[in-house]
Amino acid sequence: MELHTIGIGLGKTVFHLIGLNLRGEVAVRKKFSRTQLVHFTANLKVDLIGMEACGGAHFLGRAHCATKAMRYG
């Protein structure tokens, strides 16, 4: 799946993701649990990920960086 930008709406237990292609059109719109979101984003190649600045965002940022570091060493 080719996505340019994803936006993540953070909640306590449910996370909403919207993905845009290079033309700015909505390519994907999904709802995830925390674990599902980490697994889904680990396999994506995107240029920009946007989310609000809060404790949940910091957790997801660290989890995303950790999965990328494991793959690229």
N, C-alpha and C. Protein backbone atom coordinates (compact mmCIF):
# COMPACT_ATOMS: atom_id res chain seq x y z
N MET A 1 0.85 -1.17 0.00
CA MET A 1 0.00 0.00 0.00
C MET A 1 0.89 1.24 0.00
N GLU A 2 0.67 2.14 -0.94
CA GLU A 2 1.44 3.37 -1.06
C GLU A 2 0.73 4.52 -0.34
N LEU A 3 1.27 4.93 0.79
CA LEU A 3 0.72 6.06 1.53
C LEU A 3 1.79 7.13 1.66
N HIS A 4 1.39 8.36 1.55
CA HIS A 4 2.32 9.47 1.72
C HIS A 4 2.27 10.00 3.15
N THR A 5 1.06 10.15 3.67
CA THR A 5 0.86 10.74 5.00
C THR A 5 -0.17 9.92 5.76
N ILE A 6 0.06 9.70 7.05
CA ILE A 6 -0.98 9.12 7.89
C ILE A 6 -1.18 10.02 9.11
N GLY A 7 -2.42 10.10 9.53
CA GLY A 7 -2.79 10.81 10.74
C GLY A 7 -3.40 9.83 11.70
N ILE A 8 -3.04 9.92 12.96
CA ILE A 8 -3.53 8.98 13.96
C ILE A 8 -4.24 9.74 15.06
N GLY A 9 -5.52 9.39 15.26
CA GLY A 9 -6.29 9.94 16.37
C GLY A 9 -6.14 9.02 17.56
N LEU A 10 -5.64 9.56 18.65
CA LEU A 10 -5.33 8.75 19.83
C LEU A 10 -6.48 8.75 20.82
N GLY A 11 -6.76 7.59 21.36
CA GLY A 11 -7.76 7.45 22.41
C GLY A 11 -7.20 6.56 23.51
N LYS A 12 -8.00 6.26 24.49
CA LYS A 12 -7.53 5.41 25.58
C LYS A 12 -7.31 3.97 25.11
N THR A 13 -8.27 3.43 24.36
CA THR A 13 -8.15 2.04 23.90
C THR A 13 -8.31 1.89 22.40
N VAL A 14 -8.85 2.88 21.73
CA VAL A 14 -9.10 2.80 20.29
C VAL A 14 -8.36 3.93 19.58
N PHE A 15 -7.72 3.59 18.47
CA PHE A 15 -6.95 4.54 17.68
C PHE A 15 -7.51 4.58 16.26
N HIS A 16 -7.72 5.76 15.74
CA HIS A 16 -8.23 5.91 14.38
C HIS A 16 -7.09 6.37 13.48
N LEU A 17 -6.96 5.73 12.33
CA LEU A 17 -5.90 6.06 11.39
C LEU A 17 -6.53 6.44 10.06
N ILE A 18 -6.02 7.49 9.46
CA ILE A 18 -6.41 7.87 8.11
C ILE A 18 -5.13 8.02 7.30
N GLY A 19 -5.11 7.43 6.12
CA GLY A 19 -3.93 7.48 5.27
C GLY A 19 -4.24 8.16 3.95
N LEU A 20 -3.34 9.04 3.53
CA LEU A 20 -3.50 9.78 2.28
C LEU A 20 -2.44 9.34 1.28
N ASN A 21 -2.84 9.26 0.01
CA ASN A 21 -1.88 8.94 -1.03
C ASN A 21 -1.17 10.21 -1.48
N LEU A 22 -0.33 10.13 -2.50
CA LEU A 22 0.44 11.28 -2.96
C LEU A 22 -0.43 12.42 -3.47
N ARG A 23 -1.64 12.11 -3.95
CA ARG A 23 -2.55 13.15 -4.44
C ARG A 23 -3.39 13.76 -3.33
N GLY A 24 -3.22 13.31 -2.10
CA GLY A 24 -3.98 13.85 -0.98
C GLY A 24 -5.35 13.23 -0.82
N GLU A 25 -5.61 12.14 -1.52
CA GLU A 25 -6.89 11.45 -1.41
C GLU A 25 -6.83 10.42 -0.29
N VAL A 26 -7.95 10.21 0.38
CA VAL A 26 -8.02 9.22 1.45
C VAL A 26 -7.89 7.83 0.84
N ALA A 27 -6.85 7.11 1.25
CA ALA A 27 -6.60 5.77 0.73
C ALA A 27 -7.00 4.69 1.74
N VAL A 28 -6.95 5.02 3.02
CA VAL A 28 -7.31 4.06 4.05
C VAL A 28 -7.86 4.81 5.26
N ARG A 29 -8.85 4.21 5.88
CA ARG A 29 -9.45 4.74 7.10
C ARG A 29 -9.80 3.53 7.96
N LYS A 30 -9.10 3.38 9.11
CA LYS A 30 -9.29 2.19 9.94
C LYS A 30 -9.29 2.55 11.42
N LYS A 31 -9.80 1.62 12.21
CA LYS A 31 -9.82 1.73 13.67
C LYS A 31 -9.02 0.55 14.22
N PHE A 32 -8.12 0.83 15.19
CA PHE A 32 -7.23 -0.19 15.71
C PHE A 32 -7.17 -0.17 17.23
N SER A 33 -6.77 -1.31 17.80
CA SER A 33 -6.31 -1.33 19.19
C SER A 33 -4.84 -0.91 19.16
N ARG A 34 -4.23 -0.68 20.31
CA ARG A 34 -2.83 -0.25 20.37
C ARG A 34 -1.91 -1.25 19.67
N THR A 35 -2.07 -2.53 19.98
CA THR A 35 -1.23 -3.57 19.40
C THR A 35 -1.43 -3.66 17.89
N GLN A 36 -2.67 -3.61 17.44
CA GLN A 36 -2.95 -3.67 16.01
C GLN A 36 -2.33 -2.49 15.28
N LEU A 37 -2.37 -1.31 15.88
CA LEU A 37 -1.81 -0.12 15.25
C LEU A 37 -0.30 -0.23 15.09
N VAL A 38 0.38 -0.72 16.13
CA VAL A 38 1.83 -0.88 16.05
C VAL A 38 2.19 -1.87 14.94
N HIS A 39 1.47 -2.97 14.84
CA HIS A 39 1.74 -3.96 13.79
C HIS A 39 1.45 -3.39 12.40
N PHE A 40 0.37 -2.66 12.26
CA PHE A 40 -0.01 -2.10 10.96
C PHE A 40 1.03 -1.08 10.49
N THR A 41 1.43 -0.17 11.36
CA THR A 41 2.37 0.88 10.96
C THR A 41 3.79 0.35 10.79
N ALA A 42 4.13 -0.77 11.41
CA ALA A 42 5.47 -1.34 11.27
C ALA A 42 5.75 -1.75 9.83
N ASN A 43 4.73 -2.07 9.07
CA ASN A 43 4.90 -2.54 7.70
C ASN A 43 4.66 -1.46 6.66
N LEU A 44 4.46 -0.22 7.08
CA LEU A 44 4.19 0.87 6.15
C LEU A 44 5.45 1.69 5.87
N LYS A 45 5.52 2.19 4.65
CA LYS A 45 6.55 3.17 4.30
C LYS A 45 5.82 4.47 4.02
N VAL A 46 5.93 5.42 4.93
CA VAL A 46 5.26 6.71 4.78
C VAL A 46 6.26 7.84 5.00
N ASP A 47 5.95 8.99 4.42
CA ASP A 47 6.81 10.15 4.57
C ASP A 47 6.52 10.95 5.83
N LEU A 48 5.26 10.94 6.27
CA LEU A 48 4.87 11.78 7.40
C LEU A 48 3.81 11.08 8.24
N ILE A 49 4.02 11.07 9.56
CA ILE A 49 3.03 10.55 10.50
C ILE A 49 2.69 11.68 11.45
N GLY A 50 1.41 12.01 11.54
CA GLY A 50 0.98 13.08 12.42
C GLY A 50 0.08 12.54 13.52
N MET A 51 0.33 13.02 14.75
CA MET A 51 -0.53 12.68 15.89
C MET A 51 -0.35 13.75 16.95
N GLU A 52 -1.30 13.81 17.87
CA GLU A 52 -1.23 14.82 18.93
C GLU A 52 -0.09 14.52 19.89
N ALA A 53 0.37 15.53 20.57
CA ALA A 53 1.46 15.36 21.53
C ALA A 53 0.88 15.02 22.90
N CYS A 54 1.03 13.76 23.29
CA CYS A 54 0.57 13.30 24.60
C CYS A 54 1.34 12.04 24.95
N GLY A 55 1.09 11.48 26.09
CA GLY A 55 1.79 10.27 26.51
C GLY A 55 1.61 9.12 25.54
N GLY A 56 0.41 8.98 24.99
CA GLY A 56 0.15 7.92 24.02
C GLY A 56 0.96 8.10 22.75
N ALA A 57 1.13 9.35 22.33
CA ALA A 57 1.91 9.64 21.13
C ALA A 57 3.38 9.27 21.36
N HIS A 58 3.90 9.57 22.53
CA HIS A 58 5.28 9.24 22.83
C HIS A 58 5.50 7.73 22.86
N PHE A 59 4.54 7.00 23.41
CA PHE A 59 4.62 5.53 23.41
C PHE A 59 4.64 5.01 21.99
N LEU A 60 3.70 5.46 21.15
CA LEU A 60 3.64 4.97 19.77
C LEU A 60 4.86 5.38 18.97
N GLY A 61 5.38 6.56 19.20
CA GLY A 61 6.59 7.00 18.52
C GLY A 61 7.77 6.10 18.85
N ARG A 62 7.93 5.78 20.13
CA ARG A 62 9.01 4.89 20.54
C ARG A 62 8.82 3.49 19.96
N ALA A 63 7.59 2.99 19.98
CA ALA A 63 7.31 1.66 19.44
C ALA A 63 7.58 1.61 17.94
N HIS A 64 7.18 2.66 17.23
CA HIS A 64 7.40 2.72 15.78
C HIS A 64 8.90 2.76 15.48
N CYS A 65 9.65 3.59 16.19
CA CYS A 65 11.10 3.67 15.99
C CYS A 65 11.78 2.35 16.31
N ALA A 66 11.33 1.66 17.33
CA ALA A 66 11.91 0.39 17.70
C ALA A 66 11.70 -0.66 16.62
N THR A 67 10.51 -0.72 16.03
CA THR A 67 10.26 -1.69 14.97
C THR A 67 11.07 -1.38 13.73
N LYS A 68 11.24 -0.10 13.40
CA LYS A 68 12.05 0.28 12.25
C LYS A 68 13.52 -0.03 12.49
N ALA A 69 14.02 0.21 13.71
CA ALA A 69 15.41 -0.06 14.04
C ALA A 69 15.70 -1.55 13.96
N MET A 70 14.75 -2.39 14.37
CA MET A 70 14.95 -3.84 14.31
C MET A 70 15.04 -4.31 12.86
N ARG A 71 14.25 -3.70 11.98
CA ARG A 71 14.26 -4.12 10.57
C ARG A 71 15.49 -3.62 9.83
N TYR A 72 15.95 -2.41 10.14
CA TYR A 72 17.05 -1.80 9.38
C TYR A 72 18.39 -1.87 10.09
N GLY A 73 18.37 -2.35 11.34
CA GLY A 73 19.56 -2.59 12.10
C GLY A 73 20.40 -1.41 12.38
